[in-house]
PDB file of N, CA and C in Angstrom:
ATOM      1  N   MET A   1      11.789 -37.697  39.990  1.00  0.00           N
ATOM      2  CA  MET A   1      12.446 -38.183  39.706  1.00  0.00           C
ATOM      3  C   MET A   1      10.973 -39.360  39.850  1.00  0.00           C
ATOM      4  N   GLN A   2      10.105 -39.205  39.518  1.00  0.00           N
ATOM      5  CA  GLN A   2       8.944 -39.633  40.162  1.00  0.00           C
ATOM      6  C   GLN A   2       7.980 -38.641  39.358  1.00  0.00           C
ATOM      7  N   ASN A   3       8.154 -37.600  39.057  1.00  0.00           N
ATOM      8  CA  ASN A   3       7.647 -35.647  38.375  1.00  0.00           C
ATOM      9  C   ASN A   3       7.853 -35.361  36.924  1.00  0.00           C
ATOM     10  N   GLU A   4       9.140 -35.721  36.811  1.00  0.00           N
ATOM     11  CA  GLU A   4      10.172 -35.871  35.224  1.00  0.00           C
ATOM     12  C   GLU A   4       9.236 -36.018  34.417  1.00  0.00           C
ATOM     13  N   SER A   5       9.601 -35.087  33.504  1.00  0.00           N
ATOM     14  CA  SER A   5       8.337 -36.028  31.866  1.00  0.00           C
ATOM     15  C   SER A   5       9.497 -34.912  30.877  1.00  0.00           C
ATOM     16  N   ASN A   6       9.646 -35.181  29.541  1.00  0.00           N
ATOM     17  CA  ASN A   6      10.054 -35.267  29.079  1.00  0.00           C
ATOM     18  C   ASN A   6       9.529 -33.628  27.495  1.00  0.00           C
ATOM     19  N   GLU A   7       8.403 -33.927  27.950  1.00  0.00           N
ATOM     20  CA  GLU A   7       7.227 -32.722  27.539  1.00  0.00           C
ATOM     21  C   GLU A   7       7.768 -31.422  27.966  1.00  0.00           C
ATOM     22  N   PRO A   8       7.941 -30.354  26.434  1.00  0.00           N
ATOM     23  CA  PRO A   8       7.748 -29.202  27.644  1.00  0.00           C
ATOM     24  C   PRO A   8       7.088 -28.524  28.474  1.00  0.00           C
ATOM     25  N   VAL A   9       7.037 -27.866  29.357  1.00  0.00           N
ATOM     26  CA  VAL A   9       5.679 -27.056  29.514  1.00  0.00           C
ATOM     27  C   VAL A   9       5.651 -25.396  29.448  1.00  0.00           C
ATOM     28  N   GLN A  10       4.196 -25.797  28.292  1.00  0.00           N
ATOM     29  CA  GLN A  10       4.295 -24.968  28.315  1.00  0.00           C
ATOM     30  C   GLN A  10       2.741 -24.040  29.033  1.00  0.00           C
ATOM     31  N   ASP A  11       2.968 -22.219  28.931  1.00  0.00           N
ATOM     32  CA  ASP A  11       1.534 -21.933  29.651  1.00  0.00           C
ATOM     33  C   ASP A  11       0.976 -21.749  30.189  1.00  0.00           C
ATOM     34  N   GLU A  12       0.269 -21.691  30.800  1.00  0.00           N
ATOM     35  CA  GLU A  12      -0.759 -22.455  31.456  1.00  0.00           C
ATOM     36  C   GLU A  12      -2.552 -21.053  30.817  1.00  0.00           C
ATOM     37  N   VAL A  13      -1.880 -20.767  29.957  1.00  0.00           N
ATOM     38  CA  VAL A  13      -2.727 -20.087  28.526  1.00  0.00           C
ATOM     39  C   VAL A  13      -3.183 -21.030  27.403  1.00  0.00           C
ATOM     40  N   PRO A  14      -5.003 -21.352  28.580  1.00  0.00           N
ATOM     41  CA  PRO A  14      -5.886 -21.639  27.840  1.00  0.00           C
ATOM     42  C   PRO A  14      -5.985 -21.904  25.880  1.00  0.00           C
ATOM     43  N   LEU A  15      -6.490 -22.771  26.467  1.00  0.00           N
ATOM     44  CA  LEU A  15      -5.707 -23.463  24.099  1.00  0.00           C
ATOM     45  C   LEU A  15      -6.872 -21.413  23.194  1.00  0.00           C
ATOM     46  N   LEU A  16      -7.963 -21.057  23.823  1.00  0.00           N
ATOM     47  CA  LEU A  16      -9.187 -21.132  22.925  1.00  0.00           C
ATOM     48  C   LEU A  16      -8.084 -18.841  22.658  1.00  0.00           C
ATOM     49  N   LYS A  17      -8.301 -18.819  24.458  1.00  0.00           N
ATOM     50  CA  LYS A  17      -6.580 -17.561  24.831  1.00  0.00           C
ATOM     51  C   LYS A  17      -5.697 -18.169  23.573  1.00  0.00           C
ATOM     52  N   ARG A  18      -5.206 -18.782  23.317  1.00  0.00           N
ATOM     53  CA  ARG A  18      -4.025 -18.368  22.375  1.00  0.00           C
ATOM     54  C   ARG A  18      -4.484 -18.281  21.058  1.00  0.00           C
ATOM     55  N   LEU A  19      -5.088 -18.869  21.080  1.00  0.00           N
ATOM     56  CA  LEU A  19      -5.721 -18.680  19.196  1.00  0.00           C
ATOM     57  C   LEU A  19      -6.139 -17.378  18.649  1.00  0.00           C
ATOM     58  N   ARG A  20      -7.277 -17.000  20.325  1.00  0.00           N
ATOM     59  CA  ARG A  20      -7.193 -15.412  20.357  1.00  0.00           C
ATOM     60  C   ARG A  20      -6.416 -14.306  19.429  1.00  0.00           C
ATOM     61  N   GLY A  21      -5.377 -13.557  20.516  1.00  0.00           N
ATOM     62  CA  GLY A  21      -3.939 -13.376  20.673  1.00  0.00           C
ATOM     63  C   GLY A  21      -3.549 -13.657  19.351  1.00  0.00           C
ATOM     64  N   SER A  22      -4.002 -14.855  18.827  1.00  0.00           N
ATOM     65  CA  SER A  22      -2.541 -15.161  16.698  1.00  0.00           C
ATOM     66  C   SER A  22      -3.887 -14.570  15.581  1.00  0.00           C
ATOM     67  N   ILE A  23      -5.077 -14.694  16.042  1.00  0.00           N
ATOM     68  CA  ILE A  23      -5.472 -14.653  14.919  1.00  0.00           C
ATOM     69  C   ILE A  23      -6.207 -12.997  14.621  1.00  0.00           C
ATOM     70  N   PHE A  24      -6.947 -12.169  15.995  1.00  0.00           N
ATOM     71  CA  PHE A  24      -7.142 -10.802  15.862  1.00  0.00           C
ATOM     72  C   PHE A  24      -7.063 -10.734  17.252  1.00  0.00           C
ATOM     73  N   PRO A  25      -5.936  -9.956  17.871  1.00  0.00           N
ATOM     74  CA  PRO A  25      -4.417  -9.534  18.488  1.00  0.00           C
ATOM     75  C   PRO A  25      -5.553  -7.703  19.083  1.00  0.00           C
ATOM     76  N   ILE A  26      -4.777  -7.802  20.244  1.00  0.00           N
ATOM     77  CA  ILE A  26      -5.931  -6.849  20.832  1.00  0.00           C
ATOM     78  C   ILE A  26      -5.229  -6.114  21.417  1.00  0.00           C
ATOM     79  N   ALA A  27      -4.574  -4.608  20.991  1.00  0.00           N
ATOM     80  CA  ALA A  27      -3.221  -3.989  21.386  1.00  0.00           C
ATOM     81  C   ALA A  27      -3.936  -3.092  22.770  1.00  0.00           C
ATOM     82  N   PRO A  28      -3.214  -2.720  23.575  1.00  0.00           N
ATOM     83  CA  PRO A  28      -3.089  -1.644  23.922  1.00  0.00           C
ATOM     84  C   PRO A  28      -3.787  -0.447  23.791  1.00  0.00           C
ATOM     85  N   GLY A  29      -3.379  -0.240  23.240  1.00  0.00           N
ATOM     86  CA  GLY A  29      -4.057   1.443  22.759  1.00  0.00           C
ATOM     87  C   GLY A  29      -5.304   1.131  21.174  1.00  0.00           C
ATOM     88  N   ASP A  30      -6.125   0.451  21.186  1.00  0.00           N
ATOM     89  CA  ASP A  30      -7.326  -0.519  20.433  1.00  0.00           C
ATOM     90  C   ASP A  30      -8.538   0.414  21.274  1.00  0.00           C
ATOM     91  N   SER A  31      -9.110   0.849  20.480  1.00  0.00           N
ATOM     92  CA  SER A  31     -10.478   1.727  21.571  1.00  0.00           C
ATOM     93  C   SER A  31     -11.920   0.804  21.546  1.00  0.00           C
ATOM     94  N   ALA A  32     -12.871   1.131  21.499  1.00  0.00           N
ATOM     95  CA  ALA A  32     -14.199  -0.051  22.532  1.00  0.00           C
ATOM     96  C   ALA A  32     -14.437   0.223  21.234  1.00  0.00           C
ATOM     97  N   PRO A  33     -14.534   0.195  20.242  1.00  0.00           N
ATOM     98  CA  PRO A  33     -15.627  -0.182  18.839  1.00  0.00           C
ATOM     99  C   PRO A  33     -14.157  -1.326  18.154  1.00  0.00           C
ATOM    100  N   ILE A  34     -12.919  -1.310  18.593  1.00  0.00           N
ATOM    101  CA  ILE A  34     -12.102  -1.869  18.222  1.00  0.00           C
ATOM    102  C   ILE A  34     -12.173  -3.122  18.136  1.00  0.00           C
ATOM    103  N   LYS A  35     -11.281  -3.041  19.592  1.00  0.00           N
ATOM    104  CA  LYS A  35     -11.788  -4.776  20.752  1.00  0.00           C
ATOM    105  C   LYS A  35     -12.898  -5.454  20.138  1.00  0.00           C
ATOM    106  N   ILE A  36     -14.716  -4.264  20.370  1.00  0.00           N
ATOM    107  CA  ILE A  36     -16.166  -5.137  19.973  1.00  0.00           C
ATOM    108  C   ILE A  36     -15.380  -5.463  18.700  1.00  0.00           C
ATOM    109  N   LEU A  37     -15.301  -5.337  17.756  1.00  0.00           N
ATOM    110  CA  LEU A  37     -16.080  -6.098  16.028  1.00  0.00           C
ATOM    111  C   LEU A  37     -14.119  -7.331  16.049  1.00  0.00           C
ATOM    112  N   LYS A  38     -13.195  -6.561  16.838  1.00  0.00           N
ATOM    113  CA  LYS A  38     -12.442  -7.511  16.525  1.00  0.00           C
ATOM    114  C   LYS A  38     -12.029  -9.132  17.645  1.00  0.00           C
ATOM    115  N   THR A  39     -13.759  -9.142  17.995  1.00  0.00           N
ATOM    116  CA  THR A  39     -14.299 -10.191  19.860  1.00  0.00           C
ATOM    117  C   THR A  39     -15.150 -10.973  18.473  1.00  0.00           C
ATOM    118  N   SER A  40     -15.990  -9.254  17.891  1.00  0.00           N
ATOM    119  CA  SER A  40     -16.817 -10.048  17.420  1.00  0.00           C
ATOM    120  C   SER A  40     -16.576 -11.221  16.622  1.00  0.00           C
ATOM    121  N   GLY A  41     -15.667 -10.304  15.871  1.00  0.00           N
ATOM    122  CA  GLY A  41     -14.452 -11.208  14.616  1.00  0.00           C
ATOM    123  C   GLY A  41     -14.193 -12.777  14.424  1.00  0.00           C
ATOM    124  N   PHE A  42     -13.400 -12.091  15.736  1.00  0.00           N
ATOM    125  CA  PHE A  42     -12.828 -14.083  16.127  1.00  0.00           C
ATOM    126  C   PHE A  42     -14.160 -14.993  16.954  1.00  0.00           C
ATOM    127  N   TYR A  43     -15.168 -14.115  17.292  1.00  0.00           N
ATOM    128  CA  TYR A  43     -16.007 -15.467  17.146  1.00  0.00           C
ATOM    129  C   TYR A  43     -16.384 -15.700  16.294  1.00  0.00           C
ATOM    130  N   LEU A  44     -17.021 -15.159  15.233  1.00  0.00           N
ATOM    131  CA  LEU A  44     -17.603 -15.583  14.169  1.00  0.00           C
ATOM    132  C   LEU A  44     -16.325 -15.880  13.605  1.00  0.00           C
ATOM    133  N   PHE A  45     -15.237 -16.555  12.843  1.00  0.00           N
ATOM    134  CA  PHE A  45     -14.696 -17.140  12.726  1.00  0.00           C
ATOM    135  C   PHE A  45     -14.263 -18.691  13.303  1.00  0.00           C
ATOM    136  N   THR A  46     -14.625 -17.809  14.662  1.00  0.00           N
ATOM    137  CA  THR A  46     -14.673 -19.823  15.227  1.00  0.00           C
ATOM    138  C   THR A  46     -16.143 -20.533  15.793  1.00  0.00           C
ATOM    139  N   VAL A  47     -16.883 -20.444  15.423  1.00  0.00           N
ATOM    140  CA  VAL A  47     -18.178 -20.022  15.009  1.00  0.00           C
ATOM    141  C   VAL A  47     -17.828 -21.188  13.215  1.00  0.00           C
ATOM    142  N   MET A  48     -17.480 -20.348  12.030  1.00  0.00           N
ATOM    143  CA  MET A  48     -17.422 -21.128  11.018  1.00  0.00           C
ATOM    144  C   MET A  48     -16.636 -22.380  11.041  1.00  0.00           C
ATOM    145  N   VAL A  49     -15.768 -22.165  11.129  1.00  0.00           N
ATOM    146  CA  VAL A  49     -14.474 -22.607  11.036  1.00  0.00           C
ATOM    147  C   VAL A  49     -15.515 -24.672  11.793  1.00  0.00           C
ATOM    148  N   LEU A  50     -16.647 -24.312  13.189  1.00  0.00           N
ATOM    149  CA  LEU A  50     -16.561 -25.757  13.498  1.00  0.00           C
ATOM    150  C   LEU A  50     -17.151 -25.847  12.760  1.00  0.00           C
ATOM    151  N   VAL A  51     -19.385 -25.274  11.943  1.00  0.00           N
ATOM    152  CA  VAL A  51     -19.920 -25.559  11.605  1.00  0.00           C
ATOM    153  C   VAL A  51     -19.287 -26.448  10.292  1.00  0.00           C
ATOM    154  N   VAL A  52     -17.993 -25.257   9.277  1.00  0.00           N
ATOM    155  CA  VAL A  52     -17.284 -26.313   8.344  1.00  0.00           C
ATOM    156  C   VAL A  52     -17.583 -27.021   8.947  1.00  0.00           C
ATOM    157  N   THR A  53     -16.051 -28.329   9.837  1.00  0.00           N
ATOM    158  CA  THR A  53     -16.118 -29.041  10.489  1.00  0.00           C
ATOM    159  C   THR A  53     -17.341 -29.517  10.514  1.00  0.00           C
ATOM    160  N   LEU A  54     -17.743 -29.801  10.865  1.00  0.00           N
ATOM    161  CA  LEU A  54     -19.454 -31.080  11.808  1.00  0.00           C
ATOM    162  C   LEU A  54     -19.780 -30.994   9.793  1.00  0.00           C
ATOM    163  N   LEU A  55     -19.605 -29.941   8.895  1.00  0.00           N
ATOM    164  CA  LEU A  55     -20.595 -31.032   8.211  1.00  0.00           C
ATOM    165  C   LEU A  55     -19.113 -31.377   6.913  1.00  0.00           C
ATOM    166  N   LEU A  56     -18.397 -30.599   7.147  1.00  0.00           N
ATOM    167  CA  LEU A  56     -17.351 -31.960   6.536  1.00  0.00           C
ATOM    168  C   LEU A  56     -17.245 -33.793   6.289  1.00  0.00           C
ATOM    169  N   GLY A  57     -17.079 -33.410   8.045  1.00  0.00           N
ATOM    170  CA  GLY A  57     -17.100 -34.404   8.999  1.00  0.00           C
ATOM    171  C   GLY A  57     -19.193 -35.104   8.411  1.00  0.00           C
ATOM    172  N   GLY A  58     -20.057 -34.379   8.140  1.00  0.00           N
ATOM    173  CA  GLY A  58     -20.958 -35.544   8.298  1.00  0.00           C
ATOM    174  C   GLY A  58     -21.605 -35.979   6.718  1.00  0.00           C
ATOM    175  N   ALA A  59     -20.131 -35.007   6.197  1.00  0.00           N
ATOM    176  CA  ALA A  59     -20.757 -35.754   5.098  1.00  0.00           C
ATOM    177  C   ALA A  59     -19.418 -36.676   4.603  1.00  0.00           C
ATOM    178  N   ILE A  60     -18.505 -36.592   5.632  1.00  0.00           N
ATOM    179  CA  ILE A  60     -18.084 -37.917   4.928  1.00  0.00           C
ATOM    180  C   ILE A  60     -18.334 -39.099   5.757  1.00  0.00           C
ATOM    181  N   MET A  61     -19.226 -39.225   6.826  1.00  0.00           N
ATOM    182  CA  MET A  61     -19.591 -39.969   7.449  1.00  0.00           C
ATOM    183  C   MET A  61     -20.797 -40.465   6.136  1.00  0.00           C
ATOM    184  N   PHE A  62     -21.811 -39.148   5.192  1.00  0.00           N
ATOM    185  CA  PHE A  62     -22.792 -40.141   4.718  1.00  0.00           C
ATOM    186  C   PHE A  62     -22.374 -40.772   3.643  1.00  0.00           C
ATOM    187  N   VAL A  63     -20.584 -40.399   3.345  1.00  0.00           N
ATOM    188  CA  VAL A  63     -19.860 -41.398   2.143  1.00  0.00           C
ATOM    189  C   VAL A  63     -20.144 -43.152   2.520  1.00  0.00           C
ATOM    190  N   LEU A  64     -19.384 -42.944   3.655  1.00  0.00           N
ATOM    191  CA  LEU A  64     -18.945 -44.272   4.335  1.00  0.00           C
ATOM    192  C   LEU A  64     -20.485 -45.186   4.719  1.00  0.00           C
TER     193      LEU A  64
END
């Protein structure tokens, strides 16, 4: 009873892999160039989200 919790158990898949699978999923039949484009597109998307988040955070800090 000590180890029980009310939280549902999620798969042990890291957050980035789950996001990658939902944004640009790679199908088993994808060719190598398509896999490279999807992977680079995902990382570009991740960097863009990070930059926008940092810029918005900086703007809010500047105003405060």
